[in-house]
Amino acid sequence: NKMKERNTTTQVKEGDEVELEIISIGSKGDGMGKVNGFCIFVPQTNKGRAYQVKITKVLERFGFGEALQEI
């Protein structure tokens, strides 16, 4: 299963802090960025900006984070 393999290589876990550039805005208005190709949705962020993000939830194909600060 390719999807499972890709998830194990992202090594993104709940509680991790990552630097994330918001590359687009999702349909619900959340910013979206990628960590090693893995999509993370972050509310209250702006496209083209970078943030220090705490990962709050990791699902099979994407995750969610909380912006701690703009960097």
Protein backbone atom coordinates (compact mmCIF):
# COMPACT_ATOMS: atom_id res chain seq x y z
CA ASN A 1 0.00 0.00 0.00
CA LYS A 2 1.76 3.15 -1.23
CA MET A 3 -0.24 5.51 0.98
CA LYS A 4 0.87 3.72 4.17
CA GLU A 5 4.51 3.75 3.08
CA ARG A 6 4.40 7.47 2.39
CA ASN A 7 2.87 8.17 5.81
CA THR A 8 5.61 6.34 7.65
CA THR A 9 8.25 8.37 5.81
CA THR A 10 6.71 11.73 6.75
CA GLN A 11 7.45 11.06 10.43
CA VAL A 12 4.99 13.78 11.42
CA LYS A 13 3.46 13.08 14.81
CA GLU A 14 0.96 14.87 17.01
CA GLY A 15 2.82 17.33 19.20
CA ASP A 16 5.67 17.90 16.70
CA GLU A 17 6.63 21.49 15.91
CA VAL A 18 7.55 22.25 12.29
CA GLU A 19 8.25 25.26 10.10
CA LEU A 20 5.56 25.39 7.44
CA GLU A 21 5.04 27.65 4.44
CA ILE A 22 1.37 28.09 3.54
CA ILE A 23 1.13 27.32 -0.18
CA SER A 24 -2.65 27.48 -0.63
CA ILE A 25 -5.95 28.01 1.16
CA GLY A 26 -8.34 25.05 1.53
CA SER A 27 -12.07 25.07 0.84
CA LYS A 28 -12.85 25.80 4.51
CA GLY A 29 -10.44 28.75 4.63
CA ASP A 30 -7.58 26.97 6.40
CA GLY A 31 -4.04 27.49 5.16
CA MET A 32 -2.36 24.41 3.71
CA GLY A 33 1.32 23.55 3.65
CA LYS A 34 3.36 20.40 3.19
CA VAL A 35 5.94 18.59 5.33
CA ASN A 36 7.85 16.10 3.14
CA GLY A 37 4.85 16.00 0.79
CA PHE A 38 2.34 15.43 3.62
CA CYS A 39 -0.45 18.04 3.72
CA ILE A 40 -1.04 19.96 6.93
CA PHE A 41 -4.04 22.29 7.33
CA VAL A 42 -3.57 25.27 9.66
CA PRO A 43 -6.45 27.64 10.53
CA GLN A 44 -5.95 31.42 10.69
CA THR A 45 -2.91 31.52 8.41
CA ASN A 46 -2.18 33.38 5.18
CA LYS A 47 -0.94 32.06 1.82
CA GLY A 48 2.71 32.87 1.13
CA ARG A 49 3.62 33.22 4.81
CA ALA A 50 5.63 30.80 6.96
CA TYR A 51 4.70 29.73 10.48
CA GLN A 52 6.01 27.71 13.38
CA VAL A 53 3.25 25.09 13.60
CA LYS A 54 2.41 22.54 16.28
CA ILE A 55 0.87 19.37 14.80
CA THR A 56 -2.45 18.72 16.54
CA LYS A 57 -3.90 15.78 14.60
CA VAL A 58 -2.52 13.31 12.04
CA LEU A 59 -4.87 11.36 9.79
CA GLU A 60 -4.03 8.87 7.01
CA ARG A 61 -3.72 11.39 4.17
CA PHE A 62 -3.34 14.76 5.90
CA GLY A 63 -2.99 16.43 9.25
CA PHE A 64 -3.90 19.56 11.18
CA GLY A 65 -1.77 22.06 13.02
CA GLU A 66 -1.96 25.18 15.13
CA ALA A 67 0.10 28.25 14.20
CA LEU A 68 2.30 29.22 17.13
CA GLN A 69 3.93 32.22 15.44
CA GLU A 70 4.74 33.66 12.05
CA ILE A 71 8.39 33.28 11.05
